[in-house]
């Protein structure tokens, strides 16, 4: 499998040793210029995003990060693996909060979820390596991918729920699709499938808005996309055969079943 964290070398992250082997290092403070917000208001992107204040639960620095305004972008369609498409901007690109001082990152819903042991694990590993970085107000796929990788690294260090890491991997597979990197996309889908399988067995529903049948459907599609045809059919058939499954979900499952039977490409 590919080294999924290799591209984080630009942020100084060249290795991820055990947290206990690293001595924490205090970061140099650097604040976003006071004029940033005023300048930002002149940009069209500010109709869709804004700078939101945060306090890092790891290093305690106050910082601003770009956030998508709720309900501003229009839903267009979704792919078979549930990736949603929007116009004119993709909210997914803005779903990570990242501290530019210590590098701690997480999906918006999880950013402030932090136990003392998790804080220690993150600061000991990231602090000696991370290079201060700010991102532009208009994020592109490259920026977002980097932030999601940092979030996955932090989630791994924090030993978060399987579903959180699985969702990060699923979204990273979508970024790999954008880059037409088939090997990376497959790697992330395998990680996502394994994580969601653990969540399916061990976590309470809903999982990221998915009930058990929707997650079962997603597992089937992930298996299809990684070439696990028998497992894919098993998951998809379970959705189709369950009486309580909604009509729309059954239609999606039937479509995927045809793709599996006809050995259609991803």
Protein backbone atom coordinates (compact mmCIF):
# COMPACT_ATOMS: atom_id res chain seq x y z
CA UNK A 1 0.00 0.00 0.00
CA UNK A 2 1.05 3.58 -0.53
CA UNK A 3 2.54 5.72 2.23
CA UNK A 4 -0.58 7.76 2.93
CA UNK A 5 1.24 10.39 5.00
CA UNK A 6 4.16 10.93 2.60
CA UNK A 7 2.86 14.27 1.30
CA UNK A 8 2.85 15.77 4.81
CA UNK A 9 6.62 16.26 4.58
CA UNK A 10 5.88 19.81 3.38
CA UNK A 11 4.52 20.46 6.88
CA UNK A 12 7.59 18.94 8.49
CA UNK A 13 5.90 15.60 9.23
CA UNK A 14 8.49 13.10 8.08
CA UNK A 15 7.88 10.33 10.60
CA UNK A 16 5.28 9.34 13.17
CA UNK A 17 7.08 7.70 16.11
CA UNK A 18 5.44 6.47 19.28
CA UNK A 19 4.17 9.41 21.29
CA UNK A 20 6.14 8.33 24.35
CA UNK A 21 9.46 8.64 22.49
CA UNK A 22 9.05 12.31 21.66
CA UNK A 23 9.69 15.28 23.92
CA UNK A 24 7.16 18.08 23.38
CA UNK A 25 8.52 21.28 21.91
CA UNK A 26 6.94 24.71 22.42
CA UNK A 27 5.88 26.36 19.18
CA UNK A 28 6.79 29.92 18.17
CA UNK A 29 3.76 32.17 18.30
CA UNK A 30 2.67 33.90 15.15
CA UNK A 31 -0.70 35.56 14.78
CA UNK A 32 -2.74 36.11 11.65
CA UNK A 33 -2.47 39.81 10.71
CA UNK A 34 -5.28 41.95 12.12
CA UNK A 35 -6.00 43.24 8.62
CA UNK A 36 -6.75 39.75 7.30
CA UNK A 37 -10.47 39.89 8.00
CA UNK A 38 -10.81 43.32 6.38
CA UNK A 39 -8.97 42.18 3.27
CA UNK A 40 -11.01 38.99 3.13
CA UNK A 41 -14.27 40.90 2.87
CA UNK A 42 -13.17 42.22 -0.51
CA UNK A 43 -12.99 38.71 -2.00
CA UNK A 44 -16.02 37.04 -3.68
CA UNK A 45 -15.28 33.80 -1.82
CA UNK A 46 -16.38 35.56 1.35
CA UNK A 47 -19.98 35.23 0.20
CA UNK A 48 -19.52 31.53 0.96
CA UNK A 49 -16.90 31.31 3.72
CA UNK A 50 -15.79 33.28 6.75
CA UNK A 51 -12.97 33.27 9.28
CA UNK A 52 -14.01 31.66 12.55
CA UNK A 53 -12.15 31.97 15.85
CA UNK A 54 -10.96 28.81 17.61
CA UNK A 55 -8.89 27.88 20.64
CA UNK A 56 -6.72 24.85 20.03
CA UNK A 57 -7.44 22.11 22.58
CA UNK A 58 -3.87 20.84 22.17
CA UNK A 59 -1.56 23.88 22.29
CA UNK A 60 -4.12 26.44 23.61
CA UNK A 61 -3.32 29.03 20.93
CA UNK A 62 -6.13 31.22 19.61
CA UNK A 63 -6.38 31.14 15.82
CA UNK A 64 -8.73 31.72 12.90
CA UNK A 65 -9.64 29.16 10.27
CA UNK A 66 -11.82 29.33 7.20
CA UNK A 67 -15.35 27.94 7.53
CA UNK A 68 -18.11 27.38 4.96
CA UNK A 69 -21.33 29.31 5.50
CA UNK A 70 -24.19 26.89 6.13
CA UNK A 71 -26.60 26.33 3.26
CA UNK A 72 -24.84 28.57 0.76
CA UNK A 73 -23.92 25.88 -1.79
CA UNK A 74 -26.41 23.92 -3.88
CA UNK A 75 -26.51 20.12 -3.88
CA UNK A 76 -26.24 18.66 -7.40
CA UNK A 77 -25.96 14.86 -7.14
CA UNK A 78 -24.24 12.04 -5.29
CA UNK A 79 -22.03 9.21 -6.51
CA UNK A 80 -22.58 5.54 -5.76
CA UNK A 81 -20.12 5.79 -2.84
CA UNK A 82 -22.25 8.63 -1.39
CA UNK A 83 -19.90 11.44 -2.35
CA UNK A 84 -22.08 14.55 -2.67
CA UNK A 85 -21.42 17.21 -5.31
CA UNK A 86 -22.25 20.87 -4.79
CA UNK A 87 -22.01 24.18 -6.65
CA UNK A 88 -20.31 26.60 -6.71
CA UNK A 89 -18.04 25.33 -3.90
CA UNK A 90 -17.61 21.96 -2.23
CA UNK A 91 -18.36 22.12 1.52
CA UNK A 92 -16.26 18.99 2.04
CA UNK A 93 -13.13 21.05 1.45
CA UNK A 94 -13.95 23.16 4.50
CA UNK A 95 -14.90 20.42 6.98
CA UNK A 96 -11.51 20.31 8.70
CA UNK A 97 -10.35 22.71 11.41
CA UNK A 98 -6.56 22.88 11.67
CA UNK A 99 -4.40 24.78 14.14
CA UNK A 100 -1.58 26.50 12.27
CA UNK A 101 0.60 26.51 15.40
CA UNK A 102 0.81 22.84 16.38
CA UNK A 103 -0.82 21.09 13.40
CA UNK A 104 -3.69 19.54 15.31
CA UNK A 105 -6.59 18.92 12.92
CA UNK A 106 -9.98 17.24 13.04
CA UNK A 107 -13.35 17.31 11.37
CA UNK A 108 -15.46 20.20 12.63
CA UNK A 109 -17.68 18.00 14.82
CA UNK A 110 -14.69 16.45 16.61
CA UNK A 111 -12.19 19.30 16.92
CA UNK A 112 -12.85 20.02 20.59
CA UNK A 113 -13.23 16.40 21.64
CA UNK A 114 -10.02 15.86 23.55
CA UNK A 115 -8.99 13.81 26.59
CA UNK A 116 -5.75 14.53 28.45
CA UNK A 117 -4.13 11.36 27.13
CA UNK A 118 -5.10 12.29 23.57
CA UNK A 119 -3.71 15.81 23.97
CA UNK A 120 -0.41 14.40 25.20
CA UNK A 121 -0.19 11.96 22.29
CA UNK A 122 -0.82 14.67 19.69
CA UNK A 123 1.48 17.34 21.12
CA UNK A 124 4.37 14.95 21.72
CA UNK A 125 4.28 13.62 18.19
CA UNK A 126 3.45 16.73 16.15
CA UNK A 127 5.18 19.54 18.06
CA UNK A 128 8.78 18.58 17.22
CA UNK A 129 7.98 18.24 13.51
CA UNK A 130 5.19 20.58 12.44
CA UNK A 131 5.97 23.75 10.48
CA UNK A 132 3.64 26.71 10.98
CA UNK A 133 1.26 27.10 8.05
CA UNK A 134 -1.76 29.18 7.07
CA UNK A 135 -4.10 28.37 4.21
CA UNK A 136 -5.84 30.69 1.73
CA UNK A 137 -9.49 31.56 2.15
CA UNK A 138 -10.39 29.68 -1.03
CA UNK A 139 -9.22 26.12 -0.48
CA UNK A 140 -8.53 23.82 -3.39
CA UNK A 141 -8.41 20.02 -3.39
CA UNK A 142 -4.66 19.99 -2.65
CA UNK A 143 -5.08 22.17 0.44
CA UNK A 144 -8.05 20.14 1.64
CA UNK A 145 -6.33 16.80 1.11
CA UNK A 146 -3.38 17.95 3.23
CA UNK A 147 -5.72 19.03 6.01
CA UNK A 148 -7.63 15.73 5.90
CA UNK A 149 -4.35 13.82 6.09
CA UNK A 150 -3.40 15.82 9.18
CA UNK A 151 -6.82 15.06 10.65
CA UNK A 152 -6.34 11.34 9.95
CA UNK A 153 -2.90 11.42 11.55
CA UNK A 154 -4.33 13.14 14.64
CA UNK A 155 -7.31 10.77 14.79
CA UNK A 156 -4.88 7.84 14.70
CA UNK A 157 -2.79 9.34 17.49
CA UNK A 158 -5.95 10.02 19.52
CA UNK A 159 -7.23 6.48 18.89
CA UNK A 160 -10.65 7.81 18.00
CA UNK A 161 -13.68 5.75 17.04
CA UNK A 162 -13.31 3.54 13.98
CA UNK A 163 -16.05 5.46 12.17
CA UNK A 164 -14.17 8.77 12.45
CA UNK A 165 -11.03 7.38 10.88
CA UNK A 166 -13.09 5.52 8.29
CA UNK A 167 -14.90 8.69 7.24
CA UNK A 168 -11.60 10.54 6.88
CA UNK A 169 -10.26 7.70 4.73
CA UNK A 170 -13.40 7.68 2.59
CA UNK A 171 -13.07 11.38 1.87
CA UNK A 172 -9.36 10.99 1.19
CA UNK A 173 -10.27 8.35 -1.41
CA UNK A 174 -12.37 11.02 -3.12
CA UNK A 175 -9.40 13.37 -3.23
CA UNK A 176 -7.31 10.55 -4.71
CA UNK A 177 -10.02 10.13 -7.37
CA UNK A 178 -9.69 13.83 -8.22
CA UNK A 179 -5.95 13.30 -8.71
CA UNK A 180 -6.60 10.10 -10.71
CA UNK A 181 -4.36 8.23 -8.27
CA UNK A 182 -5.96 4.78 -8.43
CA UNK A 183 -3.51 3.14 -6.03
CA UNK A 184 -4.06 5.74 -3.30
CA UNK A 185 -7.83 5.69 -3.86
CA UNK A 186 -7.90 1.91 -3.41
CA UNK A 187 -5.72 2.10 -0.30
CA UNK A 188 -7.97 4.66 1.36
CA UNK A 189 -11.10 2.69 0.41
CA UNK A 190 -9.67 -0.45 2.00
CA UNK A 191 -8.98 1.49 5.20
CA UNK A 192 -12.45 3.03 5.05
CA UNK A 193 -14.12 -0.35 4.54
CA UNK A 194 -12.26 -1.92 7.47
CA UNK A 195 -13.09 1.00 9.73
CA UNK A 196 -16.75 1.07 8.80
CA UNK A 197 -17.00 -2.69 9.31
CA UNK A 198 -15.77 -2.22 12.87
CA UNK A 199 -18.21 0.65 13.33
CA UNK A 200 -21.05 -1.46 11.92
CA UNK A 201 -20.42 -4.10 14.59
CA UNK A 202 -19.44 -1.97 17.55
CA UNK A 203 -20.90 1.54 17.34
CA UNK A 204 -24.35 2.96 17.86
CA UNK A 205 -26.32 4.30 14.91
CA UNK A 206 -26.64 6.70 13.24
CA UNK A 207 -23.01 6.84 12.07
CA UNK A 208 -22.36 10.15 10.32
CA UNK A 209 -26.02 10.38 9.48
CA UNK A 210 -26.19 6.81 8.18
CA UNK A 211 -28.49 4.15 9.59
CA UNK A 212 -27.35 0.51 9.57
CA UNK A 213 -28.75 -0.22 6.10
CA UNK A 214 -27.15 2.85 4.51
CA UNK A 215 -23.81 1.88 6.01
CA UNK A 216 -24.35 -1.68 4.78
CA UNK A 217 -24.93 -0.28 1.29
CA UNK A 218 -21.77 1.85 1.53
CA UNK A 219 -19.74 -1.18 2.61
CA UNK A 220 -21.00 -3.03 -0.45
CA UNK A 221 -19.96 -0.23 -2.77
CA UNK A 222 -16.55 0.09 -1.13
CA UNK A 223 -16.02 -3.64 -1.58
CA UNK A 224 -17.04 -3.35 -5.23
CA UNK A 225 -14.56 -0.54 -5.80
CA UNK A 226 -11.72 -2.51 -4.25
CA UNK A 227 -12.45 -5.67 -6.23
CA UNK A 228 -14.03 -7.70 -3.41
CA UNK A 229 -16.96 -8.88 -5.50
CA UNK A 230 -18.35 -11.59 -3.19
CA UNK A 231 -18.35 -9.32 -0.15
CA UNK A 232 -19.89 -6.54 -2.22
CA UNK A 233 -22.77 -8.77 -3.31
CA UNK A 234 -23.34 -9.95 0.25
CA UNK A 235 -23.69 -6.42 1.62
CA UNK A 236 -25.78 -5.13 -1.28
CA UNK A 237 -28.09 -8.16 -1.24
CA UNK A 238 -28.71 -7.63 2.47
CA UNK A 239 -30.00 -4.12 1.72
CA UNK A 240 -32.23 -5.29 -1.13
CA UNK A 241 -33.70 -8.16 0.88
CA UNK A 242 -34.46 -6.12 4.01
CA UNK A 243 -38.11 -5.09 4.07
CA UNK A 244 -37.47 -1.97 6.13
CA UNK A 245 -35.03 -0.50 3.61
CA UNK A 246 -36.35 2.63 1.92
CA UNK A 247 -37.29 2.62 -1.76
CA UNK A 248 -34.54 5.04 -2.79
CA UNK A 249 -31.85 3.06 -0.98
CA UNK A 250 -33.07 -0.19 -2.54
CA UNK A 251 -32.92 1.42 -5.97
CA UNK A 252 -29.34 2.51 -5.35
CA UNK A 253 -28.46 -0.97 -4.11
CA UNK A 254 -30.07 -2.59 -7.17
CA UNK A 255 -28.02 -0.32 -9.41
CA UNK A 256 -24.80 -1.29 -7.63
CA UNK A 257 -25.75 -4.98 -7.84
CA UNK A 258 -26.00 -4.63 -11.62
CA UNK A 259 -22.60 -2.95 -11.70
CA UNK A 260 -21.16 -5.87 -9.73
CA UNK A 261 -22.78 -8.54 -11.91
CA UNK A 262 -21.71 -6.81 -15.12
CA UNK A 263 -18.21 -6.23 -13.70
CA UNK A 264 -18.47 -2.55 -14.54
CA UNK A 265 -15.35 -0.46 -13.86
CA UNK A 266 -15.29 1.99 -10.97
